[in-house]
Amino acid sequence: ANAAVVMSAVKVILSYMELMGSQNSDSIRALTRKLAPPLVTLLNSEPEIQYVALRNINLIVQKRPHILENEIKVFFCKYNDPIYVKM
């Protein structure tokens, strides 16, 4: 998947979720579950894309902490990850 397209789509969905407010909690929960796989897919890319994806995921998780609660294993560092990805 193209990283720019994935990040743009996630941005649009997060903006839409903000507009929905807390009235549609079931819809927001469903959208949250659908956002995790594309974000995890970005972490299997080249190191440069991983770095940008991790920075953006950090911002997303600050706003919506439960979005990646079932994807913890993806964030473990690999021995051959560049130092800027490990930080």
C-alpha atoms as a PDB file:
ATOM      1  CA  ALA A   1       0.000   0.000   0.000  1.00  0.00           C
ATOM      2  CA  ASN A   2       1.115   3.529  -0.687  1.00  0.00           C
ATOM      3  CA  ALA A   3       2.050   5.120   2.638  1.00  0.00           C
ATOM      4  CA  ALA A   4       0.811   8.575   1.644  1.00  0.00           C
ATOM      5  CA  VAL A   5      -2.592   7.195   0.665  1.00  0.00           C
ATOM      6  CA  VAL A   6      -2.871   5.201   3.887  1.00  0.00           C
ATOM      7  CA  MET A   7      -1.944   8.173   6.075  1.00  0.00           C
ATOM      8  CA  SER A   8      -4.313  10.485   4.190  1.00  0.00           C
ATOM      9  CA  ALA A   9      -7.177   8.012   4.526  1.00  0.00           C
ATOM     10  CA  VAL A  10      -6.490   7.615   8.247  1.00  0.00           C
ATOM     11  CA  LYS A  11      -6.462  11.402   8.623  1.00  0.00           C
ATOM     12  CA  VAL A  12      -9.836  11.686   6.881  1.00  0.00           C
ATOM     13  CA  ILE A  13     -11.372   8.933   9.020  1.00  0.00           C
ATOM     14  CA  LEU A  14     -10.027  10.464  12.237  1.00  0.00           C
ATOM     15  CA  SER A  15     -11.469  13.839  11.241  1.00  0.00           C
ATOM     16  CA  TYR A  16     -14.800  12.181  10.501  1.00  0.00           C
ATOM     17  CA  MET A  17     -14.718  10.485  13.914  1.00  0.00           C
ATOM     18  CA  GLU A  18     -14.173  13.883  15.547  1.00  0.00           C
ATOM     19  CA  LEU A  19     -17.258  15.246  13.795  1.00  0.00           C
ATOM     20  CA  MET A  20     -19.330  12.263  14.897  1.00  0.00           C
ATOM     21  CA  GLY A  21     -18.657  13.094  18.529  1.00  0.00           C
ATOM     22  CA  SER A  22     -19.500  10.681  21.311  1.00  0.00           C
ATOM     23  CA  GLN A  23     -23.084  10.103  20.178  1.00  0.00           C
ATOM     24  CA  ASN A  24     -22.214   7.223  17.838  1.00  0.00           C
ATOM     25  CA  SER A  25     -19.933   5.179  20.072  1.00  0.00           C
ATOM     26  CA  ASP A  26     -20.645   1.912  18.217  1.00  0.00           C
ATOM     27  CA  SER A  27     -19.720   3.461  14.869  1.00  0.00           C
ATOM     28  CA  ILE A  28     -16.577   5.006  16.327  1.00  0.00           C
ATOM     29  CA  ARG A  29     -15.569   1.656  17.846  1.00  0.00           C
ATOM     30  CA  ALA A  30     -16.063  -0.055  14.463  1.00  0.00           C
ATOM     31  CA  LEU A  31     -13.999   2.597  12.666  1.00  0.00           C
ATOM     32  CA  THR A  32     -11.275   2.314  15.288  1.00  0.00           C
ATOM     33  CA  ARG A  33     -11.025  -1.445  14.703  1.00  0.00           C
ATOM     34  CA  LYS A  34     -10.703  -0.872  10.959  1.00  0.00           C
ATOM     35  CA  LEU A  35      -7.890   1.676  11.338  1.00  0.00           C
ATOM     36  CA  ALA A  36      -5.401  -0.656  13.015  1.00  0.00           C
ATOM     37  CA  PRO A  37      -4.510  -2.997  10.095  1.00  0.00           C
ATOM     38  CA  PRO A  38      -3.497  -0.257   7.615  1.00  0.00           C
ATOM     39  CA  LEU A  39      -1.312   1.395  10.247  1.00  0.00           C
ATOM     40  CA  VAL A  40       0.331  -1.922  11.092  1.00  0.00           C
ATOM     41  CA  THR A  41       0.949  -2.542   7.385  1.00  0.00           C
ATOM     42  CA  LEU A  42       3.028   0.636   7.227  1.00  0.00           C
ATOM     43  CA  LEU A  43       5.409  -0.806   9.803  1.00  0.00           C
ATOM     44  CA  ASN A  44       6.436  -3.543   7.384  1.00  0.00           C
ATOM     45  CA  SER A  45       7.833  -1.018   4.896  1.00  0.00           C
ATOM     46  CA  GLU A  46      11.274   0.475   4.385  1.00  0.00           C
ATOM     47  CA  PRO A  47      12.918   2.063   7.448  1.00  0.00           C
ATOM     48  CA  GLU A  48      12.248   5.616   6.255  1.00  0.00           C
ATOM     49  CA  ILE A  49       8.523   4.926   5.921  1.00  0.00           C
ATOM     50  CA  GLN A  50       8.548   3.105   9.269  1.00  0.00           C
ATOM     51  CA  TYR A  51       9.994   6.191  10.919  1.00  0.00           C
ATOM     52  CA  VAL A  52       7.345   8.521   9.483  1.00  0.00           C
ATOM     53  CA  ALA A  53       4.583   6.012  10.253  1.00  0.00           C
ATOM     54  CA  LEU A  54       5.747   5.630  13.864  1.00  0.00           C
ATOM     55  CA  ARG A  55       5.795   9.395  14.369  1.00  0.00           C
ATOM     56  CA  ASN A  56       2.251   9.655  13.032  1.00  0.00           C
ATOM     57  CA  ILE A  57       1.064   6.623  14.999  1.00  0.00           C
ATOM     58  CA  ASN A  58       2.421   8.286  18.135  1.00  0.00           C
ATOM     59  CA  LEU A  59       0.182  11.303  17.498  1.00  0.00           C
ATOM     60  CA  ILE A  60      -2.825   9.128  16.685  1.00  0.00           C
ATOM     61  CA  VAL A  61      -2.430   7.023  19.833  1.00  0.00           C
ATOM     62  CA  GLN A  62      -2.228  10.152  21.966  1.00  0.00           C
ATOM     63  CA  LYS A  63      -5.660  11.123  20.683  1.00  0.00           C
ATOM     64  CA  ARG A  64      -7.203   7.634  20.499  1.00  0.00           C
ATOM     65  CA  PRO A  65      -5.291   5.343  22.917  1.00  0.00           C
ATOM     66  CA  HIS A  66      -7.325   2.192  22.220  1.00  0.00           C
ATOM     67  CA  ILE A  67      -6.718   2.142  18.486  1.00  0.00           C
ATOM     68  CA  LEU A  68      -3.747  -0.266  18.570  1.00  0.00           C
ATOM     69  CA  GLU A  69      -4.297  -2.052  21.862  1.00  0.00           C
ATOM     70  CA  ASN A  70      -4.295  -5.498  20.189  1.00  0.00           C
ATOM     71  CA  GLU A  71      -1.223  -4.831  18.045  1.00  0.00           C
ATOM     72  CA  ILE A  72       1.523  -4.542  20.674  1.00  0.00           C
ATOM     73  CA  LYS A  73       3.828  -7.178  19.119  1.00  0.00           C
ATOM     74  CA  VAL A  74       4.279  -5.076  15.983  1.00  0.00           C
ATOM     75  CA  PHE A  75       6.101  -2.401  17.972  1.00  0.00           C
ATOM     76  CA  PHE A  76       8.913  -4.613  19.253  1.00  0.00           C
ATOM     77  CA  CYS A  77      12.284  -3.597  17.825  1.00  0.00           C
ATOM     78  CA  LYS A  78      14.048  -5.973  15.483  1.00  0.00           C
ATOM     79  CA  TYR A  79      17.792  -6.478  15.694  1.00  0.00           C
ATOM     80  CA  ASN A  80      18.349  -5.048  12.218  1.00  0.00           C
ATOM     81  CA  ASP A  81      16.168  -1.941  12.581  1.00  0.00           C
ATOM     82  CA  PRO A  82      18.087   1.312  12.057  1.00  0.00           C
ATOM     83  CA  ILE A  83      18.803   3.313  15.193  1.00  0.00           C
ATOM     84  CA  TYR A  84      16.421   6.130  14.192  1.00  0.00           C
ATOM     85  CA  VAL A  85      13.540   3.628  14.019  1.00  0.00           C
ATOM     86  CA  LYS A  86      14.432   2.119  17.398  1.00  0.00           C
ATOM     87  CA  MET A  87      14.337   5.515  19.088  1.00  0.00           C
END
